[in-house]
Amino acid sequence: MTTLAPCCTACYRPLPAWDLDRLACPGCQERASGRLAELPGLLAALSPVPVRSGGLVAVHGPAGSRPPIALHAVDLSAEVPALLDSWARDWASVGGHDLPERWLPNAAAGPALWLRWRLDWACRQHPAVEEALREIGHAWSAVRSAALGERAERRVAVVCPCGERLRVGVSTDAATCGGCGTRWSRGDLLGMPLAQRSAA
């Protein structure tokens, strides 16, 4: 009978033999730490006025009219700090950690730093660390794209052995098939054939 080596709950890579007492691998922990470190600066760089690579979007209209507003940037400026605060409260509840009365220096940097300080604990003991790392990763990707004016990550369809299509991108660490329910690692996803485009 073959026994499977313990794997990271986030990326499904085998855990290092010298550090099996964890749920998420050191690589996923390091990536999340870097993203949490970058998020406050990226959020500060978000502009509510749409920009293009050449500068501000030209606004045509009567004198005194307001420029267009980038609603996506405004939404992210509210949603991402709320997401970080939510995970901080969850980790505090599960791990018995103390939370500050208010976040300093601000609503984004405070919880991001608090989560970074407790990331090693979460990667070793929090039962939903995979979900936290995934949501932090999605938030970082969305804010980075909006702050730097990049297009959203391109996703392609690959075919699961059961025949179901899975949408994956460059940053996809793992995905669950909606057809058979199998959770596939990044390596497995990269080995799947591309789905044929349907004829128009």
C-alpha atoms as a PDB file:
ATOM      1  CA  MET A   1       0.000   0.000   0.000  1.00  0.00           C
ATOM      2  CA  THR A   2       1.368   3.387  -1.040  1.00  0.00           C
ATOM      3  CA  THR A   3       1.219   6.249   1.415  1.00  0.00           C
ATOM      4  CA  LEU A   4       1.033   9.746   0.021  1.00  0.00           C
ATOM      5  CA  ALA A   5       3.513  12.338   1.232  1.00  0.00           C
ATOM      6  CA  PRO A   6       1.960  15.271   3.111  1.00  0.00           C
ATOM      7  CA  CYS A   7       1.186  18.099   0.679  1.00  0.00           C
ATOM      8  CA  CYS A   8       0.596  21.833   0.914  1.00  0.00           C
ATOM      9  CA  THR A   9      -3.130  22.580   1.154  1.00  0.00           C
ATOM     10  CA  ALA A  10      -2.690  25.639  -1.071  1.00  0.00           C
ATOM     11  CA  CYS A  11      -0.544  24.433  -3.997  1.00  0.00           C
ATOM     12  CA  TYR A  12      -0.496  20.635  -3.442  1.00  0.00           C
ATOM     13  CA  ARG A  13       3.278  20.441  -3.685  1.00  0.00           C
ATOM     14  CA  PRO A  14       4.881  17.974  -1.246  1.00  0.00           C
ATOM     15  CA  LEU A  15       5.895  19.534   2.062  1.00  0.00           C
ATOM     16  CA  PRO A  16       9.637  19.506   2.794  1.00  0.00           C
ATOM     17  CA  ALA A  17      10.660  16.418   4.755  1.00  0.00           C
ATOM     18  CA  TRP A  18      12.235  18.586   7.467  1.00  0.00           C
ATOM     19  CA  ASP A  19       9.062  20.650   7.962  1.00  0.00           C
ATOM     20  CA  LEU A  20       6.003  18.399   7.780  1.00  0.00           C
ATOM     21  CA  ASP A  21       4.253  20.079  10.706  1.00  0.00           C
ATOM     22  CA  ARG A  22       2.473  22.655   8.557  1.00  0.00           C
ATOM     23  CA  LEU A  23      -0.593  23.039   6.309  1.00  0.00           C
ATOM     24  CA  ALA A  24       0.860  25.432   3.714  1.00  0.00           C
ATOM     25  CA  CYS A  25       4.378  25.089   2.318  1.00  0.00           C
ATOM     26  CA  PRO A  26       7.204  27.614   2.833  1.00  0.00           C
ATOM     27  CA  GLY A  27       6.873  28.751  -0.794  1.00  0.00           C
ATOM     28  CA  CYS A  28       3.204  29.671  -0.415  1.00  0.00           C
ATOM     29  CA  GLN A  29       3.975  31.360   2.911  1.00  0.00           C
ATOM     30  CA  GLU A  30       6.776  33.426   1.355  1.00  0.00           C
ATOM     31  CA  ARG A  31       4.602  34.416  -1.622  1.00  0.00           C
ATOM     32  CA  ALA A  32       1.747  35.499   0.693  1.00  0.00           C
ATOM     33  CA  SER A  33       4.175  37.462   2.882  1.00  0.00           C
ATOM     34  CA  GLY A  34       5.440  39.357  -0.155  1.00  0.00           C
ATOM     35  CA  ARG A  35       1.912  40.084  -1.336  1.00  0.00           C
ATOM     36  CA  LEU A  36       0.845  41.336   2.086  1.00  0.00           C
ATOM     37  CA  ALA A  37       3.925  43.578   2.153  1.00  0.00           C
ATOM     38  CA  GLU A  38       3.068  45.057  -1.273  1.00  0.00           C
ATOM     39  CA  LEU A  39      -0.695  45.493  -0.837  1.00  0.00           C
ATOM     40  CA  PRO A  40      -0.688  48.733   1.242  1.00  0.00           C
ATOM     41  CA  GLY A  41       1.571  50.502  -1.264  1.00  0.00           C
ATOM     42  CA  LEU A  42      -0.444  49.252  -4.223  1.00  0.00           C
ATOM     43  CA  LEU A  43      -3.678  50.371  -2.580  1.00  0.00           C
ATOM     44  CA  ALA A  44      -2.162  53.810  -1.951  1.00  0.00           C
ATOM     45  CA  ALA A  45      -1.240  53.993  -5.644  1.00  0.00           C
ATOM     46  CA  LEU A  46      -4.822  53.368  -6.794  1.00  0.00           C
ATOM     47  CA  SER A  47      -6.276  56.386  -8.501  1.00  0.00           C
ATOM     48  CA  PRO A  48     -10.024  57.024  -8.669  1.00  0.00           C
ATOM     49  CA  VAL A  49      -9.399  58.816 -11.988  1.00  0.00           C
ATOM     50  CA  PRO A  50      -8.844  56.380 -14.902  1.00  0.00           C
ATOM     51  CA  VAL A  51      -5.330  56.443 -16.304  1.00  0.00           C
ATOM     52  CA  ARG A  52      -3.711  55.096 -19.426  1.00  0.00           C
ATOM     53  CA  SER A  53      -0.067  54.343 -20.022  1.00  0.00           C
ATOM     54  CA  GLY A  54       0.331  57.807 -21.581  1.00  0.00           C
ATOM     55  CA  GLY A  55      -1.146  59.606 -18.565  1.00  0.00           C
ATOM     56  CA  LEU A  56      -4.599  60.805 -17.580  1.00  0.00           C
ATOM     57  CA  VAL A  57      -7.549  60.073 -19.802  1.00  0.00           C
ATOM     58  CA  ALA A  58      -8.607  63.131 -21.749  1.00  0.00           C
ATOM     59  CA  VAL A  59     -11.906  64.488 -20.467  1.00  0.00           C
ATOM     60  CA  HIS A  60     -14.159  66.198 -22.977  1.00  0.00           C
ATOM     61  CA  GLY A  61     -17.029  68.182 -21.579  1.00  0.00           C
ATOM     62  CA  PRO A  62     -18.049  71.568 -20.317  1.00  0.00           C
ATOM     63  CA  ALA A  63     -15.662  73.528 -18.128  1.00  0.00           C
ATOM     64  CA  GLY A  64     -16.002  72.522 -14.489  1.00  0.00           C
ATOM     65  CA  SER A  65     -17.313  69.038 -15.283  1.00  0.00           C
ATOM     66  CA  ARG A  66     -16.010  66.213 -13.146  1.00  0.00           C
ATOM     67  CA  PRO A  67     -13.539  63.684 -14.568  1.00  0.00           C
ATOM     68  CA  PRO A  68     -14.698  60.083 -14.948  1.00  0.00           C
ATOM     69  CA  ILE A  69     -14.249  57.885 -11.893  1.00  0.00           C
ATOM     70  CA  ALA A  70     -12.592  54.471 -11.975  1.00  0.00           C
ATOM     71  CA  LEU A  71     -15.217  52.616  -9.960  1.00  0.00           C
ATOM     72  CA  HIS A  72     -13.134  49.445  -9.914  1.00  0.00           C
ATOM     73  CA  ALA A  73     -10.333  51.297  -8.098  1.00  0.00           C
ATOM     74  CA  VAL A  74     -12.812  52.802  -5.639  1.00  0.00           C
ATOM     75  CA  ASP A  75     -14.318  49.365  -4.983  1.00  0.00           C
ATOM     76  CA  LEU A  76     -10.900  47.773  -4.411  1.00  0.00           C
ATOM     77  CA  SER A  77      -9.929  50.579  -2.023  1.00  0.00           C
ATOM     78  CA  ALA A  78     -12.847  49.542   0.207  1.00  0.00           C
ATOM     79  CA  GLU A  79     -13.027  45.786  -0.423  1.00  0.00           C
ATOM     80  CA  VAL A  80      -9.370  44.821   0.099  1.00  0.00           C
ATOM     81  CA  PRO A  81      -8.899  46.474   3.529  1.00  0.00           C
ATOM     82  CA  ALA A  82     -12.220  44.858   4.563  1.00  0.00           C
ATOM     83  CA  LEU A  83     -10.928  41.465   3.372  1.00  0.00           C
ATOM     84  CA  LEU A  84      -7.669  41.862   5.323  1.00  0.00           C
ATOM     85  CA  ASP A  85      -9.576  42.981   8.422  1.00  0.00           C
ATOM     86  CA  SER A  86     -11.900  39.991   8.117  1.00  0.00           C
ATOM     87  CA  TRP A  87      -9.004  37.512   7.975  1.00  0.00           C
ATOM     88  CA  ALA A  88      -7.250  39.253  10.870  1.00  0.00           C
ATOM     89  CA  ARG A  89     -10.392  38.904  12.996  1.00  0.00           C
ATOM     90  CA  ASP A  90     -10.751  35.252  11.955  1.00  0.00           C
ATOM     91  CA  TRP A  91      -7.127  34.430  12.799  1.00  0.00           C
ATOM     92  CA  ALA A  92      -7.429  36.242  16.132  1.00  0.00           C
ATOM     93  CA  SER A  93     -10.536  34.240  16.968  1.00  0.00           C
ATOM     94  CA  VAL A  94      -9.063  30.862  15.953  1.00  0.00           C
ATOM     95  CA  GLY A  95      -5.619  31.429  17.455  1.00  0.00           C
ATOM     96  CA  GLY A  96      -6.526  33.474  20.523  1.00  0.00           C
ATOM     97  CA  HIS A  97      -4.488  36.464  19.309  1.00  0.00           C
ATOM     98  CA  ASP A  98      -5.134  40.045  20.392  1.00  0.00           C
ATOM     99  CA  LEU A  99      -6.287  42.668  17.884  1.00  0.00           C
ATOM    100  CA  PRO A 100      -5.559  46.402  18.201  1.00  0.00           C
ATOM    101  CA  GLU A 101      -8.455  48.757  18.937  1.00  0.00           C
ATOM    102  CA  ARG A 102      -7.851  50.397  15.570  1.00  0.00           C
ATOM    103  CA  TRP A 103      -5.512  49.720  12.677  1.00  0.00           C
ATOM    104  CA  LEU A 104      -2.390  51.881  12.426  1.00  0.00           C
ATOM    105  CA  PRO A 105      -1.106  53.480  10.285  1.00  0.00           C
ATOM    106  CA  ASN A 106      -4.289  52.874   8.240  1.00  0.00           C
ATOM    107  CA  ALA A 107      -7.034  50.361   7.439  1.00  0.00           C
ATOM    108  CA  ALA A 108      -4.910  48.523   4.843  1.00  0.00           C
ATOM    109  CA  ALA A 109      -1.375  48.622   6.228  1.00  0.00           C
ATOM    110  CA  GLY A 110      -2.446  47.726   9.789  1.00  0.00           C
ATOM    111  CA  PRO A 111      -4.132  44.380   9.089  1.00  0.00           C
ATOM    112  CA  ALA A 112      -1.610  43.501   6.345  1.00  0.00           C
ATOM    113  CA  LEU A 113       1.254  43.845   8.821  1.00  0.00           C
ATOM    114  CA  TRP A 114      -0.690  42.016  11.561  1.00  0.00           C
ATOM    115  CA  LEU A 115      -1.353  39.092   9.167  1.00  0.00           C
ATOM    116  CA  ARG A 116       2.304  38.981   8.089  1.00  0.00           C
ATOM    117  CA  TRP A 117       3.426  38.721  11.707  1.00  0.00           C
ATOM    118  CA  ARG A 118       1.137  35.710  12.212  1.00  0.00           C
ATOM    119  CA  LEU A 119       1.561  34.098   8.793  1.00  0.00           C
ATOM    120  CA  ASP A 120       3.865  31.346  10.033  1.00  0.00           C
ATOM    121  CA  TRP A 121       1.327  30.401  12.715  1.00  0.00           C
ATOM    122  CA  ALA A 122      -1.505  30.360  10.149  1.00  0.00           C
ATOM    123  CA  CYS A 123       0.480  28.250   7.666  1.00  0.00           C
ATOM    124  CA  ARG A 124       1.059  25.713  10.420  1.00  0.00           C
ATOM    125  CA  GLN A 125      -2.235  25.720  12.318  1.00  0.00           C
ATOM    126  CA  HIS A 126      -5.133  27.585  10.719  1.00  0.00           C
ATOM    127  CA  PRO A 127      -7.616  25.095   9.186  1.00  0.00           C
ATOM    128  CA  ALA A 128      -8.593  27.511   6.376  1.00  0.00           C
ATOM    129  CA  VAL A 129      -5.138  28.882   5.541  1.00  0.00           C
ATOM    130  CA  GLU A 130      -5.522  27.732   1.920  1.00  0.00           C
ATOM    131  CA  GLU A 131      -8.605  29.924   1.527  1.00  0.00           C
ATOM    132  CA  ALA A 132      -6.862  32.901   3.152  1.00  0.00           C
ATOM    133  CA  LEU A 133      -3.805  32.592   0.889  1.00  0.00           C
ATOM    134  CA  ARG A 134      -6.026  32.275  -2.196  1.00  0.00           C
ATOM    135  CA  GLU A 135      -8.099  35.367  -1.307  1.00  0.00           C
ATOM    136  CA  ILE A 136      -4.997  37.405  -0.471  1.00  0.00           C
ATOM    137  CA  GLY A 137      -3.508  36.338  -3.803  1.00  0.00           C
ATOM    138  CA  HIS A 138      -6.627  37.339  -5.751  1.00  0.00           C
ATOM    139  CA  ALA A 139      -6.761  40.699  -3.943  1.00  0.00           C
ATOM    140  CA  TRP A 140      -3.080  41.375  -4.646  1.00  0.00           C
ATOM    141  CA  SER A 141      -3.494  40.494  -8.322  1.00  0.00           C
ATOM    142  CA  ALA A 142      -6.567  42.732  -8.754  1.00  0.00           C
ATOM    143  CA  VAL A 143      -5.028  45.698  -6.919  1.00  0.00           C
ATOM    144  CA  ARG A 144      -1.713  45.347  -8.754  1.00  0.00           C
ATOM    145  CA  SER A 145      -3.459  45.289 -12.137  1.00  0.00           C
ATOM    146  CA  ALA A 146      -5.558  48.342 -11.245  1.00  0.00           C
ATOM    147  CA  ALA A 147      -2.678  50.309  -9.696  1.00  0.00           C
ATOM    148  CA  LEU A 148      -0.233  49.645 -12.510  1.00  0.00           C
ATOM    149  CA  GLY A 149      -2.801  49.917 -15.300  1.00  0.00           C
ATOM    150  CA  GLU A 150      -2.266  46.322 -16.388  1.00  0.00           C
ATOM    151  CA  ARG A 151      -4.864  44.167 -18.014  1.00  0.00           C
ATOM    152  CA  ALA A 152      -6.362  41.355 -15.994  1.00  0.00           C
ATOM    153  CA  GLU A 153      -4.540  38.046 -16.210  1.00  0.00           C
ATOM    154  CA  ARG A 154      -5.384  36.069 -19.330  1.00  0.00           C
ATOM    155  CA  ARG A 155      -6.996  32.743 -18.591  1.00  0.00           C
ATOM    156  CA  VAL A 156      -7.210  29.713 -20.844  1.00  0.00           C
ATOM    157  CA  ALA A 157      -9.411  26.626 -20.779  1.00  0.00           C
ATOM    158  CA  VAL A 158      -7.816  23.230 -20.215  1.00  0.00           C
ATOM    159  CA  VAL A 159      -9.572  19.870 -20.299  1.00  0.00           C
ATOM    160  CA  CYS A 160      -9.781  17.684 -17.187  1.00  0.00           C
ATOM    161  CA  PRO A 161      -9.506  13.902 -17.777  1.00  0.00           C
ATOM    162  CA  CYS A 162     -13.247  13.716 -17.009  1.00  0.00           C
ATOM    163  CA  GLY A 163     -13.904  16.058 -19.971  1.00  0.00           C
ATOM    164  CA  GLU A 164     -14.850  19.168 -17.980  1.00  0.00           C
ATOM    165  CA  ARG A 165     -13.171  22.481 -18.814  1.00  0.00           C
ATOM    166  CA  LEU A 166     -11.126  24.378 -16.221  1.00  0.00           C
ATOM    167  CA  ARG A 167     -10.169  28.078 -16.583  1.00  0.00           C
ATOM    168  CA  VAL A 168      -6.591  28.690 -15.457  1.00  0.00           C
ATOM    169  CA  GLY A 169      -4.063  31.524 -15.580  1.00  0.00           C
ATOM    170  CA  VAL A 170      -0.363  31.991 -14.965  1.00  0.00           C
ATOM    171  CA  SER A 171      -0.922  32.570 -11.230  1.00  0.00           C
ATOM    172  CA  THR A 172      -3.268  29.583 -10.729  1.00  0.00           C
ATOM    173  CA  ASP A 173      -1.721  27.341  -8.051  1.00  0.00           C
ATOM    174  CA  ALA A 174      -4.526  24.763  -7.973  1.00  0.00           C
ATOM    175  CA  ALA A 175      -8.091  24.318  -9.209  1.00  0.00           C
ATOM    176  CA  THR A 176     -11.031  22.040  -8.470  1.00  0.00           C
ATOM    177  CA  CYS A 177     -12.897  20.470 -11.376  1.00  0.00           C
ATOM    178  CA  GLY A 178     -16.626  21.185 -11.354  1.00  0.00           C
ATOM    179  CA  GLY A 179     -17.304  17.881 -13.127  1.00  0.00           C
ATOM    180  CA  CYS A 180     -15.477  15.226 -11.093  1.00  0.00           C
ATOM    181  CA  GLY A 181     -14.598  17.277  -8.000  1.00  0.00           C
ATOM    182  CA  THR A 182     -10.878  16.473  -8.225  1.00  0.00           C
ATOM    183  CA  ARG A 183      -8.501  19.123  -6.896  1.00  0.00           C
ATOM    184  CA  TRP A 184      -5.623  19.571  -9.378  1.00  0.00           C
ATOM    185  CA  SER A 185      -2.206  21.046  -8.562  1.00  0.00           C
ATOM    186  CA  ARG A 186      -0.426  23.601 -10.742  1.00  0.00           C
ATOM    187  CA  GLY A 187       1.757  20.854 -12.250  1.00  0.00           C
ATOM    188  CA  ASP A 188      -1.287  18.764 -13.140  1.00  0.00           C
ATOM    189  CA  LEU A 189      -3.040  21.763 -14.700  1.00  0.00           C
ATOM    190  CA  LEU A 190      -0.002  22.621 -16.826  1.00  0.00           C
ATOM    191  CA  GLY A 191      -0.009  19.046 -18.169  1.00  0.00           C
ATOM    192  CA  MET A 192      -3.659  19.152 -19.277  1.00  0.00           C
ATOM    193  CA  PRO A 193      -4.491  19.695 -22.943  1.00  0.00           C
ATOM    194  CA  LEU A 194      -5.913  23.036 -24.039  1.00  0.00           C
ATOM    195  CA  ALA A 195      -9.620  23.030 -24.791  1.00  0.00           C
ATOM    196  CA  GLN A 196     -10.583  23.428 -28.444  1.00  0.00           C
ATOM    197  CA  ARG A 197     -12.241  26.732 -29.249  1.00  0.00           C
ATOM    198  CA  SER A 198     -15.841  26.313 -30.317  1.00  0.00           C
ATOM    199  CA  ALA A 199     -16.653  27.431 -33.842  1.00  0.00           C
ATOM    200  CA  ALA A 200     -18.476  30.750 -34.041  1.00  0.00           C
END
